[in-house]
Amino acid sequence: MATDLCIESSDIDITIKFNDAPKNLTFENLIFSFTRVLLDTKIFDSVIPITTASVPIIKLVLLI
């Protein structure tokens, strides 16, 4: 949808690189912490972490 094609199945991929994540923080906890940060912004209708996918993702739906 970012290309203004308004195709319902389109998406945007974003890569986030953490340079200095705490050593005691698991990847799953990091995903859930980032999910909370995204929810706190109040700009998304839903924020759903999917950690069981072969490539973990966070599904975001913007408030419109």
PDB file of N, CA and C in Angstrom:
ATOM      1  N   MET A   1       0.811  -1.195   0.000  1.00  0.00           N
ATOM      2  CA  MET A   1       0.000   0.000   0.000  1.00  0.00           C
ATOM      3  C   MET A   1       0.850   1.253   0.000  1.00  0.00           C
ATOM      4  N   ALA A   2       2.114   1.127   0.355  1.00  0.00           N
ATOM      5  CA  ALA A   2       2.982   2.296   0.375  1.00  0.00           C
ATOM      6  C   ALA A   2       3.209   2.853  -1.025  1.00  0.00           C
ATOM      7  N   THR A   3       2.999   2.044  -2.043  1.00  0.00           N
ATOM      8  CA  THR A   3       3.193   2.489  -3.422  1.00  0.00           C
ATOM      9  C   THR A   3       1.913   3.083  -4.001  1.00  0.00           C
ATOM     10  N   ASP A   4       0.886   3.238  -3.192  1.00  0.00           N
ATOM     11  CA  ASP A   4      -0.414   3.774  -3.605  1.00  0.00           C
ATOM     12  C   ASP A   4      -1.156   2.876  -4.583  1.00  0.00           C
ATOM     13  N   LEU A   5      -0.749   1.619  -4.662  1.00  0.00           N
ATOM     14  CA  LEU A   5      -1.490   0.682  -5.500  1.00  0.00           C
ATOM     15  C   LEU A   5      -2.740   0.185  -4.783  1.00  0.00           C
ATOM     16  N   CYS A   6      -2.753   0.329  -3.464  1.00  0.00           N
ATOM     17  CA  CYS A   6      -3.893  -0.083  -2.635  1.00  0.00           C
ATOM     18  C   CYS A   6      -4.274  -1.540  -2.843  1.00  0.00           C
ATOM     19  N   ILE A   7      -3.278  -2.391  -2.935  1.00  0.00           N
ATOM     20  CA  ILE A   7      -3.513  -3.826  -3.035  1.00  0.00           C
ATOM     21  C   ILE A   7      -3.607  -4.357  -1.606  1.00  0.00           C
ATOM     22  N   GLU A   8      -4.715  -4.969  -1.278  1.00  0.00           N
ATOM     23  CA  GLU A   8      -4.982  -5.406   0.104  1.00  0.00           C
ATOM     24  C   GLU A   8      -3.907  -6.338   0.661  1.00  0.00           C
ATOM     25  N   SER A   9      -3.291  -7.144  -0.201  1.00  0.00           N
ATOM     26  CA  SER A   9      -2.312  -8.124   0.283  1.00  0.00           C
ATOM     27  C   SER A   9      -0.887  -7.563   0.325  1.00  0.00           C
ATOM     28  N   SER A  10      -0.699  -6.292   0.013  1.00  0.00           N
ATOM     29  CA  SER A  10       0.654  -5.737  -0.001  1.00  0.00           C
ATOM     30  C   SER A  10       1.161  -5.505   1.423  1.00  0.00           C
ATOM     31  N   ASP A  11       2.467  -5.351   1.539  1.00  0.00           N
ATOM     32  CA  ASP A  11       3.055  -5.110   2.848  1.00  0.00           C
ATOM     33  C   ASP A  11       4.328  -4.292   2.712  1.00  0.00           C
ATOM     34  N   ILE A  12       4.886  -3.939   3.830  1.00  0.00           N
ATOM     35  CA  ILE A  12       6.168  -3.241   3.884  1.00  0.00           C
ATOM     36  C   ILE A  12       7.078  -4.060   4.787  1.00  0.00           C
ATOM     37  N   ASP A  13       8.265  -4.371   4.302  1.00  0.00           N
ATOM     38  CA  ASP A  13       9.234  -5.107   5.106  1.00  0.00           C
ATOM     39  C   ASP A  13      10.245  -4.129   5.683  1.00  0.00           C
ATOM     40  N   ILE A  14      10.510  -4.261   6.975  1.00  0.00           N
ATOM     41  CA  ILE A  14      11.475  -3.414   7.663  1.00  0.00           C
ATOM     42  C   ILE A  14      12.421  -4.328   8.434  1.00  0.00           C
ATOM     43  N   THR A  15      13.695  -4.083   8.304  1.00  0.00           N
ATOM     44  CA  THR A  15      14.689  -4.833   9.058  1.00  0.00           C
ATOM     45  C   THR A  15      15.203  -3.959  10.187  1.00  0.00           C
ATOM     46  N   ILE A  16      15.286  -4.528  11.366  1.00  0.00           N
ATOM     47  CA  ILE A  16      15.795  -3.811  12.525  1.00  0.00           C
ATOM     48  C   ILE A  16      17.022  -4.553  13.037  1.00  0.00           C
ATOM     49  N   LYS A  17      18.114  -3.844  13.142  1.00  0.00           N
ATOM     50  CA  LYS A  17      19.354  -4.445  13.617  1.00  0.00           C
ATOM     51  C   LYS A  17      19.657  -3.891  15.006  1.00  0.00           C
ATOM     52  N   PHE A  18      19.811  -4.766  15.976  1.00  0.00           N
ATOM     53  CA  PHE A  18      20.148  -4.386  17.340  1.00  0.00           C
ATOM     54  C   PHE A  18      21.640  -4.605  17.531  1.00  0.00           C
ATOM     55  N   ASN A  19      22.368  -3.533  17.714  1.00  0.00           N
ATOM     56  CA  ASN A  19      23.824  -3.637  17.884  1.00  0.00           C
ATOM     57  C   ASN A  19      24.220  -4.103  19.269  1.00  0.00           C
ATOM     58  N   ASP A  20      23.535  -3.607  20.284  1.00  0.00           N
ATOM     59  CA  ASP A  20      23.956  -3.878  21.649  1.00  0.00           C
ATOM     60  C   ASP A  20      22.804  -4.380  22.511  1.00  0.00           C
ATOM     61  N   ALA A  21      22.167  -5.452  22.098  1.00  0.00           N
ATOM     62  CA  ALA A  21      21.092  -6.025  22.902  1.00  0.00           C
ATOM     63  C   ALA A  21      21.703  -6.649  24.160  1.00  0.00           C
ATOM     64  N   PRO A  22      21.046  -6.485  25.295  1.00  0.00           N
ATOM     65  CA  PRO A  22      21.557  -7.103  26.528  1.00  0.00           C
ATOM     66  C   PRO A  22      21.741  -8.614  26.360  1.00  0.00           C
ATOM     67  N   LYS A  23      22.807  -9.121  26.898  1.00  0.00           N
ATOM     68  CA  LYS A  23      23.152 -10.547  26.738  1.00  0.00           C
ATOM     69  C   LYS A  23      22.099 -11.476  27.338  1.00  0.00           C
ATOM     70  N   ASN A  24      21.416 -11.046  28.396  1.00  0.00           N
ATOM     71  CA  ASN A  24      20.437 -11.907  29.066  1.00  0.00           C
ATOM     72  C   ASN A  24      19.042 -11.806  28.446  1.00  0.00           C
ATOM     73  N   LEU A  25      18.889 -11.024  27.385  1.00  0.00           N
ATOM     74  CA  LEU A  25      17.597 -10.845  26.743  1.00  0.00           C
ATOM     75  C   LEU A  25      17.456 -11.832  25.590  1.00  0.00           C
ATOM     76  N   THR A  26      16.449 -12.711  25.651  1.00  0.00           N
ATOM     77  CA  THR A  26      16.244 -13.680  24.570  1.00  0.00           C
ATOM     78  C   THR A  26      15.626 -12.985  23.369  1.00  0.00           C
ATOM     79  N   PHE A  27      15.751 -13.586  22.214  1.00  0.00           N
ATOM     80  CA  PHE A  27      15.188 -13.011  20.996  1.00  0.00           C
ATOM     81  C   PHE A  27      13.673 -12.838  21.131  1.00  0.00           C
ATOM     82  N   GLU A  28      13.008 -13.839  21.695  1.00  0.00           N
ATOM     83  CA  GLU A  28      11.556 -13.763  21.865  1.00  0.00           C
ATOM     84  C   GLU A  28      11.175 -12.607  22.795  1.00  0.00           C
ATOM     85  N   ASN A  29      11.901 -12.433  23.884  1.00  0.00           N
ATOM     86  CA  ASN A  29      11.632 -11.316  24.789  1.00  0.00           C
ATOM     87  C   ASN A  29      11.879  -9.971  24.108  1.00  0.00           C
ATOM     88  N   LEU A  30      12.880  -9.932  23.244  1.00  0.00           N
ATOM     89  CA  LEU A  30      13.168  -8.715  22.494  1.00  0.00           C
ATOM     90  C   LEU A  30      12.005  -8.365  21.563  1.00  0.00           C
ATOM     91  N   ILE A  31      11.456  -9.360  20.883  1.00  0.00           N
ATOM     92  CA  ILE A  31      10.299  -9.155  19.995  1.00  0.00           C
ATOM     93  C   ILE A  31       9.107  -8.644  20.800  1.00  0.00           C
ATOM     94  N   PHE A  32       8.839  -9.250  21.943  1.00  0.00           N
ATOM     95  CA  PHE A  32       7.700  -8.827  22.756  1.00  0.00           C
ATOM     96  C   PHE A  32       7.929  -7.427  23.358  1.00  0.00           C
ATOM     97  N   SER A  33       9.161  -7.105  23.713  1.00  0.00           N
ATOM     98  CA  SER A  33       9.461  -5.758  24.213  1.00  0.00           C
ATOM     99  C   SER A  33       9.229  -4.725  23.119  1.00  0.00           C
ATOM    100  N   PHE A  34       9.677  -5.032  21.922  1.00  0.00           N
ATOM    101  CA  PHE A  34       9.482  -4.114  20.797  1.00  0.00           C
ATOM    102  C   PHE A  34       7.992  -3.983  20.469  1.00  0.00           C
ATOM    103  N   THR A  35       7.248  -5.063  20.611  1.00  0.00           N
ATOM    104  CA  THR A  35       5.796  -5.030  20.398  1.00  0.00           C
ATOM    105  C   THR A  35       5.139  -4.055  21.364  1.00  0.00           C
ATOM    106  N   ARG A  36       5.549  -4.097  22.626  1.00  0.00           N
ATOM    107  CA  ARG A  36       4.991  -3.161  23.618  1.00  0.00           C
ATOM    108  C   ARG A  36       5.300  -1.714  23.264  1.00  0.00           C
ATOM    109  N   VAL A  37       6.516  -1.465  22.788  1.00  0.00           N
ATOM    110  CA  VAL A  37       6.895  -0.110  22.376  1.00  0.00           C
ATOM    111  C   VAL A  37       5.997   0.358  21.226  1.00  0.00           C
ATOM    112  N   LEU A  38       5.766  -0.506  20.262  1.00  0.00           N
ATOM    113  CA  LEU A  38       4.906  -0.148  19.126  1.00  0.00           C
ATOM    114  C   LEU A  38       3.471   0.102  19.580  1.00  0.00           C
ATOM    115  N   LEU A  39       2.966  -0.713  20.488  1.00  0.00           N
ATOM    116  CA  LEU A  39       1.610  -0.501  21.010  1.00  0.00           C
ATOM    117  C   LEU A  39       1.496   0.828  21.744  1.00  0.00           C
ATOM    118  N   ASP A  40       2.532   1.183  22.466  1.00  0.00           N
ATOM    119  CA  ASP A  40       2.523   2.426  23.239  1.00  0.00           C
ATOM    120  C   ASP A  40       2.463   3.673  22.364  1.00  0.00           C
ATOM    121  N   THR A  41       2.810   3.556  21.093  1.00  0.00           N
ATOM    122  CA  THR A  41       2.771   4.717  20.201  1.00  0.00           C
ATOM    123  C   THR A  41       1.344   5.147  19.887  1.00  0.00           C
ATOM    124  N   LYS A  42       0.389   4.242  20.076  1.00  0.00           N
ATOM    125  CA  LYS A  42      -1.037   4.518  19.823  1.00  0.00           C
ATOM    126  C   LYS A  42      -1.333   4.856  18.356  1.00  0.00           C
ATOM    127  N   ILE A  43      -0.452   4.426  17.428  1.00  0.00           N
ATOM    128  CA  ILE A  43      -0.727   4.684  16.009  1.00  0.00           C
ATOM    129  C   ILE A  43      -1.132   3.423  15.248  1.00  0.00           C
ATOM    130  N   PHE A  44      -1.128   2.287  15.955  1.00  0.00           N
ATOM    131  CA  PHE A  44      -1.495   1.030  15.317  1.00  0.00           C
ATOM    132  C   PHE A  44      -2.796   0.486  15.896  1.00  0.00           C
ATOM    133  N   ASP A  45      -3.625  -0.042  15.009  1.00  0.00           N
ATOM    134  CA  ASP A  45      -4.870  -0.682  15.427  1.00  0.00           C
ATOM    135  C   ASP A  45      -4.554  -2.006  16.105  1.00  0.00           C
ATOM    136  N   SER A  46      -3.575  -2.707  15.568  1.00  0.00           N
ATOM    137  CA  SER A  46      -3.138  -3.952  16.203  1.00  0.00           C
ATOM    138  C   SER A  46      -1.646  -4.153  15.956  1.00  0.00           C
ATOM    139  N   VAL A  47      -1.006  -4.818  16.916  1.00  0.00           N
ATOM    140  CA  VAL A  47       0.404  -5.177  16.846  1.00  0.00           C
ATOM    141  C   VAL A  47       0.491  -6.628  17.304  1.00  0.00           C
ATOM    142  N   ILE A  48       0.808  -7.520  16.376  1.00  0.00           N
ATOM    143  CA  ILE A  48       0.772  -8.951  16.683  1.00  0.00           C
ATOM    144  C   ILE A  48       2.140  -9.578  16.408  1.00  0.00           C
ATOM    145  N   PRO A  49       2.861  -9.990  17.455  1.00  0.00           N
ATOM    146  CA  PRO A  49       4.131 -10.679  17.223  1.00  0.00           C
ATOM    147  C   PRO A  49       3.871 -12.129  16.814  1.00  0.00           C
ATOM    148  N   ILE A  50       4.571 -12.571  15.791  1.00  0.00           N
ATOM    149  CA  ILE A  50       4.457 -13.968  15.337  1.00  0.00           C
ATOM    150  C   ILE A  50       5.859 -14.556  15.397  1.00  0.00           C
ATOM    151  N   THR A  51       6.191 -15.118  16.545  1.00  0.00           N
ATOM    152  CA  THR A  51       7.543 -15.632  16.773  1.00  0.00           C
ATOM    153  C   THR A  51       7.719 -17.066  16.304  1.00  0.00           C
ATOM    154  N   THR A  52       6.636 -17.726  15.933  1.00  0.00           N
ATOM    155  CA  THR A  52       6.727 -19.121  15.495  1.00  0.00           C
ATOM    156  C   THR A  52       6.940 -19.250  13.991  1.00  0.00           C
ATOM    157  N   ALA A  53       6.920 -18.146  13.262  1.00  0.00           N
ATOM    158  CA  ALA A  53       7.174 -18.191  11.813  1.00  0.00           C
ATOM    159  C   ALA A  53       8.642 -18.509  11.572  1.00  0.00           C
ATOM    160  N   SER A  54       8.977 -19.006  10.375  1.00  0.00           N
ATOM    161  CA  SER A  54      10.380 -19.332  10.094  1.00  0.00           C
ATOM    162  C   SER A  54      11.252 -18.074  10.186  1.00  0.00           C
ATOM    163  N   VAL A  55      10.690 -16.935   9.853  1.00  0.00           N
ATOM    164  CA  VAL A  55      11.316 -15.643  10.097  1.00  0.00           C
ATOM    165  C   VAL A  55      10.338 -14.873  10.976  1.00  0.00           C
ATOM    166  N   PRO A  56      10.659 -14.690  12.248  1.00  0.00           N
ATOM    167  CA  PRO A  56       9.725 -14.012  13.153  1.00  0.00           C
ATOM    168  C   PRO A  56       9.339 -12.626  12.629  1.00  0.00           C
ATOM    169  N   ILE A  57       8.061 -12.290  12.772  1.00  0.00           N
ATOM    170  CA  ILE A  57       7.565 -11.012  12.277  1.00  0.00           C
ATOM    171  C   ILE A  57       6.668 -10.355  13.327  1.00  0.00           C
ATOM    172  N   ILE A  58       6.438  -9.080  13.132  1.00  0.00           N
ATOM    173  CA  ILE A  58       5.451  -8.354  13.915  1.00  0.00           C
ATOM    174  C   ILE A  58       4.467  -7.761  12.918  1.00  0.00           C
ATOM    175  N   LYS A  59       3.242  -8.207  12.979  1.00  0.00           N
ATOM    176  CA  LYS A  59       2.212  -7.734  12.059  1.00  0.00           C
ATOM    177  C   LYS A  59       1.582  -6.474  12.633  1.00  0.00           C
ATOM    178  N   LEU A  60       1.620  -5.396  11.843  1.00  0.00           N
ATOM    179  CA  LEU A  60       1.101  -4.100  12.282  1.00  0.00           C
ATOM    180  C   LEU A  60      -0.064  -3.690  11.399  1.00  0.00           C
ATOM    181  N   VAL A  61      -1.088  -3.150  12.011  1.00  0.00           N
ATOM    182  CA  VAL A  61      -2.203  -2.560  11.267  1.00  0.00           C
ATOM    183  C   VAL A  61      -2.360  -1.131  11.779  1.00  0.00           C
ATOM    184  N   LEU A  62      -2.206  -0.168  10.861  1.00  0.00           N
ATOM    185  CA  LEU A  62      -2.311   1.249  11.220  1.00  0.00           C
ATOM    186  C   LEU A  62      -3.734   1.648  11.506  1.00  0.00           C
ATOM    187  N   LEU A  63      -3.896   2.566  12.440  1.00  0.00           N
ATOM    188  CA  LEU A  63      -5.198   3.182  12.668  1.00  0.00           C
ATOM    189  C   LEU A  63      -5.490   4.096  11.470  1.00  0.00           C
ATOM    190  N   ILE A  64      -6.695   4.042  11.007  1.00  0.00           N
ATOM    191  CA  ILE A  64      -7.067   4.897   9.868  1.00  0.00           C
ATOM    192  C   ILE A  64      -8.221   5.777  10.261  1.00  0.00           C
TER     193      ILE A  64
END
